[in-house]
Amino acid sequence: MISPSKAGRYLSTHVAQYRRQYERMISPEGGGYPALPISPYLDAGKMDCYLVQDGAVILDSTPPPYDWPILGGVAGMLIFPGPDIPSDVSQGQLTRPSSEKAVLADDIEFRVQKYNDYTLSQLLSGLLLVISVAFLWIPKCRPCLSSGARRSLDE
């Protein structure tokens, strides 16, 4: 499992590269595509990153700028207690993270939290109110990362 510091370096690198690529795509010399609000990496103020045994979740919990009960937004999830769901998670609570780090990536403030005792499915069961999952990373998907982002994970 990677550390919150290493995840923070990755997020800083990824956000900067994402924004550069986006600017290139909307520029007349690039693709000339319209500037649309397509990702929280472009304008979210705060995001959370949860590191667990077998992956990570990056979550934008900023309320959308429209009337979300009509157009979509917050989603509720039912949790059924079971042998693989810890009791705190089935009650909608996460234990205290084993380590935590605040990271500033451009103008996005990330709160990176590491949970040694949870798997990805257990963490997702515990996140009751989900507005927008920006990125779901599972270690086996590493080749899909940009070379700069891969280097930040290797450092």
N, C-alpha and C. Protein backbone atom coordinates (compact mmCIF):
# COMPACT_ATOMS: atom_id res chain seq x y z
N MET A 1 0.86 -1.17 0.00
CA MET A 1 0.00 0.00 0.00
C MET A 1 0.90 1.24 0.00
N ILE A 2 0.56 2.21 -0.81
CA ILE A 2 1.37 3.43 -0.86
C ILE A 2 1.05 4.35 0.31
N SER A 3 2.00 5.22 0.61
CA SER A 3 1.82 6.14 1.73
C SER A 3 1.02 7.37 1.29
N PRO A 4 0.44 8.10 2.24
CA PRO A 4 -0.24 9.35 1.90
C PRO A 4 0.70 10.36 1.23
N SER A 5 1.96 10.38 1.61
CA SER A 5 2.92 11.30 0.97
C SER A 5 3.12 10.96 -0.50
N LYS A 6 3.28 9.67 -0.78
CA LYS A 6 3.47 9.23 -2.16
C LYS A 6 2.20 9.48 -2.98
N ALA A 7 1.05 9.22 -2.40
CA ALA A 7 -0.21 9.50 -3.09
C ALA A 7 -0.36 10.99 -3.35
N GLY A 8 0.06 11.82 -2.40
CA GLY A 8 0.02 13.27 -2.58
C GLY A 8 0.90 13.73 -3.73
N ARG A 9 2.11 13.15 -3.85
CA ARG A 9 2.99 13.50 -4.98
C ARG A 9 2.34 13.09 -6.30
N TYR A 10 1.73 11.90 -6.31
CA TYR A 10 1.04 11.46 -7.52
C TYR A 10 -0.09 12.42 -7.89
N LEU A 11 -0.92 12.78 -6.91
CA LEU A 11 -2.05 13.67 -7.18
C LEU A 11 -1.58 15.02 -7.69
N SER A 12 -0.53 15.57 -7.11
CA SER A 12 0.00 16.86 -7.58
C SER A 12 0.45 16.77 -9.03
N THR A 13 1.18 15.70 -9.35
CA THR A 13 1.66 15.50 -10.72
C THR A 13 0.50 15.28 -11.68
N HIS A 14 -0.44 14.43 -11.28
CA HIS A 14 -1.57 14.09 -12.15
C HIS A 14 -2.45 15.31 -12.44
N VAL A 15 -2.76 16.10 -11.42
CA VAL A 15 -3.61 17.28 -11.63
C VAL A 15 -2.93 18.27 -12.57
N ALA A 16 -1.63 18.51 -12.38
CA ALA A 16 -0.91 19.43 -13.26
C ALA A 16 -0.90 18.92 -14.70
N GLN A 17 -0.63 17.63 -14.91
CA GLN A 17 -0.62 17.06 -16.25
C GLN A 17 -2.02 17.06 -16.87
N TYR A 18 -3.03 16.77 -16.09
CA TYR A 18 -4.41 16.77 -16.57
C TYR A 18 -4.79 18.16 -17.06
N ARG A 19 -4.46 19.17 -16.27
CA ARG A 19 -4.81 20.53 -16.65
C ARG A 19 -4.06 21.00 -17.89
N ARG A 20 -2.79 20.64 -18.00
CA ARG A 20 -2.03 20.99 -19.22
C ARG A 20 -2.66 20.35 -20.45
N GLN A 21 -3.01 19.07 -20.35
CA GLN A 21 -3.63 18.38 -21.47
C GLN A 21 -4.99 19.00 -21.82
N TYR A 22 -5.77 19.35 -20.81
CA TYR A 22 -7.07 19.98 -21.04
C TYR A 22 -6.89 21.32 -21.76
N GLU A 23 -5.94 22.14 -21.31
CA GLU A 23 -5.69 23.43 -21.95
C GLU A 23 -5.27 23.24 -23.40
N ARG A 24 -4.47 22.22 -23.66
CA ARG A 24 -4.05 21.94 -25.03
C ARG A 24 -5.25 21.53 -25.89
N MET A 25 -6.17 20.75 -25.31
CA MET A 25 -7.32 20.28 -26.08
C MET A 25 -8.30 21.41 -26.41
N ILE A 26 -8.42 22.42 -25.54
CA ILE A 26 -9.38 23.49 -25.81
C ILE A 26 -8.75 24.66 -26.56
N SER A 27 -7.43 24.64 -26.73
CA SER A 27 -6.78 25.74 -27.46
C SER A 27 -7.02 25.57 -28.97
N PRO A 28 -7.03 26.69 -29.71
CA PRO A 28 -7.21 26.60 -31.17
C PRO A 28 -6.11 25.79 -31.85
N GLU A 29 -4.89 25.82 -31.28
CA GLU A 29 -3.78 25.06 -31.87
C GLU A 29 -3.88 23.58 -31.54
N GLY A 30 -4.60 23.25 -30.48
CA GLY A 30 -4.75 21.84 -30.08
C GLY A 30 -5.93 21.22 -30.81
N GLY A 31 -7.01 21.06 -30.12
CA GLY A 31 -8.19 20.46 -30.75
C GLY A 31 -9.29 21.46 -30.99
N GLY A 32 -9.24 22.60 -30.28
CA GLY A 32 -10.29 23.59 -30.42
C GLY A 32 -11.61 23.15 -29.81
N TYR A 33 -11.57 22.18 -28.91
CA TYR A 33 -12.79 21.71 -28.29
C TYR A 33 -13.35 22.76 -27.33
N PRO A 34 -14.66 22.75 -27.07
CA PRO A 34 -15.23 23.74 -26.15
C PRO A 34 -14.76 23.48 -24.71
N ALA A 35 -14.61 24.54 -23.95
CA ALA A 35 -14.23 24.43 -22.54
C ALA A 35 -15.48 24.05 -21.75
N LEU A 36 -15.52 22.82 -21.28
CA LEU A 36 -16.67 22.31 -20.53
C LEU A 36 -16.21 21.86 -19.16
N PRO A 37 -17.08 21.93 -18.16
CA PRO A 37 -16.72 21.46 -16.81
C PRO A 37 -16.78 19.93 -16.74
N ILE A 38 -15.77 19.27 -17.26
CA ILE A 38 -15.81 17.82 -17.41
C ILE A 38 -15.15 17.04 -16.28
N SER A 39 -14.44 17.73 -15.39
CA SER A 39 -13.73 17.00 -14.36
C SER A 39 -13.52 17.84 -13.11
N PRO A 40 -13.61 17.21 -11.94
CA PRO A 40 -13.30 17.93 -10.70
C PRO A 40 -11.83 18.36 -10.65
N TYR A 41 -10.96 17.72 -11.43
CA TYR A 41 -9.55 18.11 -11.45
C TYR A 41 -9.35 19.50 -12.01
N LEU A 42 -10.36 20.06 -12.65
CA LEU A 42 -10.24 21.40 -13.23
C LEU A 42 -10.62 22.50 -12.25
N ASP A 43 -11.57 22.23 -11.35
CA ASP A 43 -12.05 23.34 -10.52
C ASP A 43 -12.55 22.99 -9.13
N ALA A 44 -12.37 21.77 -8.68
CA ALA A 44 -12.83 21.43 -7.33
C ALA A 44 -11.95 22.13 -6.31
N GLY A 45 -12.54 22.58 -5.24
CA GLY A 45 -11.76 23.23 -4.19
C GLY A 45 -11.13 22.23 -3.24
N LYS A 46 -11.90 21.21 -2.89
CA LYS A 46 -11.42 20.19 -1.95
C LYS A 46 -11.83 18.81 -2.45
N MET A 47 -10.93 17.86 -2.28
CA MET A 47 -11.22 16.47 -2.63
C MET A 47 -10.61 15.57 -1.56
N ASP A 48 -11.16 14.37 -1.45
CA ASP A 48 -10.65 13.39 -0.51
C ASP A 48 -10.05 12.21 -1.26
N CYS A 49 -8.96 11.67 -0.71
CA CYS A 49 -8.34 10.47 -1.26
C CYS A 49 -8.26 9.45 -0.14
N TYR A 50 -8.86 8.30 -0.36
CA TYR A 50 -8.87 7.22 0.62
C TYR A 50 -7.99 6.09 0.10
N LEU A 51 -6.95 5.74 0.84
CA LEU A 51 -6.06 4.64 0.48
C LEU A 51 -6.43 3.43 1.33
N VAL A 52 -6.62 2.28 0.67
CA VAL A 52 -6.97 1.05 1.38
C VAL A 52 -6.06 -0.07 0.89
N GLN A 53 -6.28 -1.28 1.40
CA GLN A 53 -5.40 -2.41 1.11
C GLN A 53 -5.23 -2.70 -0.38
N ASP A 54 -6.30 -2.59 -1.15
CA ASP A 54 -6.25 -3.03 -2.54
C ASP A 54 -6.65 -1.95 -3.54
N GLY A 55 -6.48 -0.69 -3.20
CA GLY A 55 -6.81 0.37 -4.15
C GLY A 55 -6.96 1.71 -3.47
N ALA A 56 -7.58 2.63 -4.17
CA ALA A 56 -7.80 3.98 -3.65
C ALA A 56 -9.04 4.57 -4.30
N VAL A 57 -9.66 5.50 -3.60
CA VAL A 57 -10.80 6.24 -4.14
C VAL A 57 -10.49 7.72 -3.98
N ILE A 58 -10.68 8.47 -5.05
CA ILE A 58 -10.57 9.93 -5.00
C ILE A 58 -11.98 10.46 -5.16
N LEU A 59 -12.41 11.25 -4.21
CA LEU A 59 -13.81 11.65 -4.12
C LEU A 59 -13.96 13.16 -4.10
N ASP A 60 -14.79 13.67 -5.00
CA ASP A 60 -15.15 15.08 -4.99
C ASP A 60 -16.51 15.17 -4.30
N SER A 61 -16.53 15.77 -3.12
CA SER A 61 -17.80 15.88 -2.40
C SER A 61 -18.35 17.30 -2.42
N THR A 62 -17.90 18.10 -3.39
CA THR A 62 -18.40 19.45 -3.56
C THR A 62 -19.82 19.39 -4.12
N PRO A 63 -20.78 20.03 -3.47
CA PRO A 63 -22.14 20.01 -4.02
C PRO A 63 -22.18 20.65 -5.41
N PRO A 64 -22.94 20.07 -6.34
CA PRO A 64 -23.02 20.64 -7.67
C PRO A 64 -23.70 22.01 -7.65
N PRO A 65 -23.41 22.86 -8.64
CA PRO A 65 -23.96 24.22 -8.66
C PRO A 65 -25.39 24.29 -9.22
N TYR A 66 -26.11 23.19 -9.17
CA TYR A 66 -27.49 23.17 -9.66
C TYR A 66 -28.35 22.42 -8.65
N ASP A 67 -29.63 22.40 -8.88
CA ASP A 67 -30.57 21.76 -7.98
C ASP A 67 -30.46 20.25 -8.14
N TRP A 68 -29.58 19.61 -7.38
CA TRP A 68 -29.26 18.21 -7.57
C TRP A 68 -30.39 17.22 -7.30
N PRO A 69 -31.38 17.52 -6.43
CA PRO A 69 -32.44 16.52 -6.28
C PRO A 69 -33.21 16.26 -7.57
N ILE A 70 -33.22 17.24 -8.46
CA ILE A 70 -33.93 17.08 -9.73
C ILE A 70 -33.00 16.52 -10.81
N LEU A 71 -31.77 17.04 -10.88
CA LEU A 71 -30.86 16.70 -11.96
C LEU A 71 -29.88 15.59 -11.63
N GLY A 72 -29.86 15.11 -10.43
CA GLY A 72 -28.90 14.08 -10.03
C GLY A 72 -27.80 14.71 -9.21
N GLY A 73 -27.17 13.93 -8.41
CA GLY A 73 -26.11 14.44 -7.54
C GLY A 73 -25.84 13.43 -6.47
N VAL A 74 -26.20 13.73 -5.25
CA VAL A 74 -25.93 12.83 -4.14
C VAL A 74 -26.68 11.52 -4.34
N ALA A 75 -25.98 10.42 -4.10
CA ALA A 75 -26.58 9.10 -4.23
C ALA A 75 -26.53 8.40 -2.88
N GLY A 76 -27.57 7.75 -2.50
CA GLY A 76 -27.58 6.99 -1.27
C GLY A 76 -27.29 5.53 -1.57
N MET A 77 -26.77 4.81 -0.59
CA MET A 77 -26.45 3.40 -0.80
C MET A 77 -26.90 2.63 0.43
N LEU A 78 -27.56 1.53 0.21
CA LEU A 78 -27.97 0.68 1.32
C LEU A 78 -26.83 -0.28 1.64
N ILE A 79 -26.59 -0.48 2.94
CA ILE A 79 -25.55 -1.41 3.36
C ILE A 79 -26.21 -2.50 4.18
N PHE A 80 -25.94 -3.72 3.78
CA PHE A 80 -26.46 -4.85 4.52
C PHE A 80 -25.32 -5.45 5.32
N PRO A 81 -25.43 -5.50 6.64
CA PRO A 81 -24.35 -6.08 7.45
C PRO A 81 -24.06 -7.50 7.00
N GLY A 82 -22.81 -7.85 7.00
CA GLY A 82 -22.40 -9.19 6.61
C GLY A 82 -21.05 -9.50 7.20
N PRO A 83 -20.59 -10.72 6.99
CA PRO A 83 -19.32 -11.13 7.60
C PRO A 83 -18.11 -10.34 7.07
N ASP A 84 -18.18 -9.84 5.84
CA ASP A 84 -17.03 -9.11 5.29
C ASP A 84 -17.17 -7.59 5.41
N ILE A 85 -18.24 -7.11 6.02
CA ILE A 85 -18.42 -5.67 6.23
C ILE A 85 -18.22 -5.38 7.72
N PRO A 86 -17.17 -4.63 8.07
CA PRO A 86 -16.96 -4.31 9.49
C PRO A 86 -18.16 -3.57 10.08
N SER A 87 -18.40 -3.75 11.38
CA SER A 87 -19.58 -3.16 12.01
C SER A 87 -19.59 -1.64 11.92
N ASP A 88 -18.41 -0.99 12.01
CA ASP A 88 -18.39 0.47 11.90
C ASP A 88 -18.81 0.92 10.51
N VAL A 89 -18.40 0.17 9.49
CA VAL A 89 -18.77 0.52 8.11
C VAL A 89 -20.26 0.32 7.90
N SER A 90 -20.82 -0.76 8.42
CA SER A 90 -22.26 -1.00 8.23
C SER A 90 -23.11 0.04 8.95
N GLN A 91 -22.51 0.76 9.88
CA GLN A 91 -23.21 1.85 10.57
C GLN A 91 -22.91 3.21 9.93
N GLY A 92 -22.21 3.19 8.78
CA GLY A 92 -21.94 4.42 8.06
C GLY A 92 -20.79 5.24 8.62
N GLN A 93 -19.90 4.60 9.36
CA GLN A 93 -18.77 5.31 9.95
C GLN A 93 -17.48 4.62 9.55
N LEU A 94 -16.43 5.40 9.38
CA LEU A 94 -15.11 4.84 9.15
C LEU A 94 -14.29 5.04 10.42
N THR A 95 -13.41 4.10 10.70
CA THR A 95 -12.53 4.26 11.84
C THR A 95 -11.55 5.40 11.57
N ARG A 96 -10.80 5.76 12.56
CA ARG A 96 -9.78 6.81 12.40
C ARG A 96 -8.71 6.29 11.43
N PRO A 97 -8.28 7.11 10.46
CA PRO A 97 -7.26 6.65 9.52
C PRO A 97 -5.94 6.36 10.25
N SER A 98 -5.18 5.40 9.71
CA SER A 98 -3.89 5.09 10.32
C SER A 98 -2.87 6.19 10.06
N SER A 99 -3.02 6.89 8.95
CA SER A 99 -2.20 8.08 8.68
C SER A 99 -2.97 8.99 7.74
N GLU A 100 -2.57 10.26 7.74
CA GLU A 100 -3.32 11.27 7.00
C GLU A 100 -2.36 12.38 6.58
N LYS A 101 -2.62 12.99 5.42
CA LYS A 101 -1.79 14.10 4.94
C LYS A 101 -2.65 15.04 4.11
N ALA A 102 -2.45 16.33 4.30
CA ALA A 102 -3.11 17.33 3.46
C ALA A 102 -2.14 17.71 2.36
N VAL A 103 -2.64 17.75 1.12
CA VAL A 103 -1.80 18.03 -0.04
C VAL A 103 -2.48 19.10 -0.88
N LEU A 104 -1.71 20.08 -1.33
CA LEU A 104 -2.24 21.09 -2.23
C LEU A 104 -1.72 20.80 -3.63
N ALA A 105 -2.61 20.52 -4.56
CA ALA A 105 -2.26 20.26 -5.95
C ALA A 105 -2.87 21.38 -6.78
N ASP A 106 -2.02 22.30 -7.24
CA ASP A 106 -2.47 23.54 -7.85
C ASP A 106 -3.40 24.21 -6.83
N ASP A 107 -4.67 24.39 -7.15
CA ASP A 107 -5.58 25.03 -6.19
C ASP A 107 -6.58 24.05 -5.59
N ILE A 108 -6.31 22.76 -5.71
CA ILE A 108 -7.18 21.74 -5.12
C ILE A 108 -6.52 21.23 -3.85
N GLU A 109 -7.28 21.26 -2.76
CA GLU A 109 -6.78 20.73 -1.50
C GLU A 109 -7.25 19.29 -1.35
N PHE A 110 -6.29 18.36 -1.31
CA PHE A 110 -6.60 16.95 -1.12
C PHE A 110 -6.36 16.57 0.33
N ARG A 111 -7.29 15.81 0.88
CA ARG A 111 -7.09 15.20 2.19
C ARG A 111 -6.88 13.71 1.92
N VAL A 112 -5.63 13.25 2.10
CA VAL A 112 -5.27 11.87 1.81
C VAL A 112 -5.28 11.09 3.12
N GLN A 113 -6.10 10.04 3.17
CA GLN A 113 -6.23 9.23 4.38
C GLN A 113 -5.95 7.76 4.06
N LYS A 114 -5.15 7.14 4.90
CA LYS A 114 -4.79 5.74 4.71
C LYS A 114 -5.51 4.89 5.76
N TYR A 115 -6.19 3.84 5.28
CA TYR A 115 -6.90 2.90 6.15
C TYR A 115 -6.32 1.50 5.93
N ASN A 116 -5.52 1.04 6.89
CA ASN A 116 -4.88 -0.27 6.76
C ASN A 116 -5.86 -1.44 6.87
N ASP A 117 -6.98 -1.23 7.54
CA ASP A 117 -7.88 -2.33 7.86
C ASP A 117 -9.01 -2.54 6.86
N TYR A 118 -9.13 -1.69 5.84
CA TYR A 118 -10.24 -1.80 4.90
C TYR A 118 -9.78 -2.27 3.53
N THR A 119 -10.66 -3.00 2.86
CA THR A 119 -10.49 -3.30 1.44
C THR A 119 -11.28 -2.25 0.66
N LEU A 120 -11.11 -2.25 -0.64
CA LEU A 120 -11.82 -1.30 -1.48
C LEU A 120 -13.33 -1.47 -1.37
N SER A 121 -13.81 -2.71 -1.40
CA SER A 121 -15.27 -2.92 -1.31
C SER A 121 -15.81 -2.49 0.05
N GLN A 122 -15.03 -2.69 1.12
CA GLN A 122 -15.48 -2.24 2.44
C GLN A 122 -15.54 -0.72 2.51
N LEU A 123 -14.53 -0.06 1.95
CA LEU A 123 -14.52 1.41 1.95
C LEU A 123 -15.71 1.96 1.17
N LEU A 124 -15.95 1.41 -0.02
CA LEU A 124 -17.07 1.88 -0.83
C LEU A 124 -18.40 1.65 -0.11
N SER A 125 -18.49 0.58 0.65
CA SER A 125 -19.70 0.35 1.44
C SER A 125 -19.87 1.41 2.52
N GLY A 126 -18.76 1.95 3.00
CA GLY A 126 -18.81 2.94 4.06
C GLY A 126 -19.04 4.35 3.60
N LEU A 127 -18.86 4.62 2.33
CA LEU A 127 -19.09 5.96 1.81
C LEU A 127 -20.56 6.09 1.42
N LEU A 128 -21.38 6.50 2.35
CA LEU A 128 -22.82 6.51 2.14
C LEU A 128 -23.28 7.57 1.17
N LEU A 129 -22.73 8.76 1.24
CA LEU A 129 -23.15 9.83 0.35
C LEU A 129 -22.03 10.11 -0.64
N VAL A 130 -22.28 9.76 -1.86
CA VAL A 130 -21.26 9.92 -2.89
C VAL A 130 -21.79 10.89 -3.93
N ILE A 131 -21.07 11.98 -4.15
CA ILE A 131 -21.49 12.94 -5.15
C ILE A 131 -20.84 12.62 -6.49
N SER A 132 -19.53 12.52 -6.50
CA SER A 132 -18.85 12.26 -7.76
C SER A 132 -17.55 11.53 -7.48
N VAL A 133 -17.44 10.29 -7.92
CA VAL A 133 -16.17 9.59 -7.81
C VAL A 133 -15.34 10.01 -9.01
N ALA A 134 -14.27 10.73 -8.74
CA ALA A 134 -13.47 11.30 -9.81
C ALA A 134 -12.53 10.28 -10.41
N PHE A 135 -12.04 9.38 -9.62
CA PHE A 135 -11.00 8.49 -10.11
C PHE A 135 -10.95 7.28 -9.21
N LEU A 136 -10.96 6.11 -9.78
CA LEU A 136 -10.86 4.88 -9.02
C LEU A 136 -9.60 4.18 -9.48
N TRP A 137 -8.65 3.99 -8.57
CA TRP A 137 -7.37 3.41 -8.95
C TRP A 137 -7.21 2.06 -8.32
N ILE A 138 -6.93 1.07 -9.12
CA ILE A 138 -6.61 -0.27 -8.65
C ILE A 138 -5.21 -0.56 -9.14
N PRO A 139 -4.31 -1.05 -8.28
CA PRO A 139 -2.90 -1.19 -8.65
C PRO A 139 -2.63 -1.89 -9.98
N LYS A 140 -3.45 -2.84 -10.38
CA LYS A 140 -3.20 -3.56 -11.63
C LYS A 140 -3.38 -2.66 -12.86
N CYS A 141 -4.01 -1.49 -12.70
CA CYS A 141 -4.25 -0.57 -13.82
C CYS A 141 -3.08 0.40 -14.01
N ARG A 142 -1.98 0.15 -13.38
CA ARG A 142 -0.85 1.07 -13.41
C ARG A 142 -0.39 1.47 -14.82
N PRO A 143 -0.42 0.58 -15.82
CA PRO A 143 0.02 1.00 -17.16
C PRO A 143 -0.79 2.15 -17.75
N CYS A 144 -2.04 2.35 -17.26
CA CYS A 144 -2.85 3.42 -17.82
C CYS A 144 -2.45 4.79 -17.29
N LEU A 145 -1.55 4.85 -16.30
CA LEU A 145 -1.10 6.14 -15.78
C LEU A 145 -0.10 6.77 -16.74
N SER A 146 -0.04 8.10 -16.74
CA SER A 146 0.95 8.78 -17.57
C SER A 146 2.34 8.48 -17.03
N SER A 147 3.37 8.62 -17.87
CA SER A 147 4.74 8.31 -17.45
C SER A 147 5.17 9.20 -16.29
N GLY A 148 4.77 10.48 -16.29
CA GLY A 148 5.12 11.38 -15.19
C GLY A 148 4.46 10.96 -13.90
N ALA A 149 3.21 10.53 -13.98
CA ALA A 149 2.52 10.08 -12.77
C ALA A 149 3.12 8.79 -12.27
N ARG A 150 3.52 7.86 -13.19
CA ARG A 150 4.17 6.62 -12.75
C ARG A 150 5.48 6.92 -12.05
N ARG A 151 6.26 7.89 -12.57
CA ARG A 151 7.52 8.25 -11.92
C ARG A 151 7.27 8.79 -10.51
N SER A 152 6.21 9.58 -10.32
CA SER A 152 5.95 10.12 -8.98
C SER A 152 5.61 9.01 -7.99
N LEU A 153 5.00 7.92 -8.47
CA LEU A 153 4.70 6.80 -7.58
C LEU A 153 5.97 6.00 -7.26
N ASP A 154 6.92 5.96 -8.20
CA ASP A 154 8.13 5.20 -8.00
C ASP A 154 9.14 5.89 -7.12
N GLU A 155 9.03 7.22 -6.94
CA GLU A 155 10.01 7.98 -6.16
C GLU A 155 9.88 7.71 -4.69
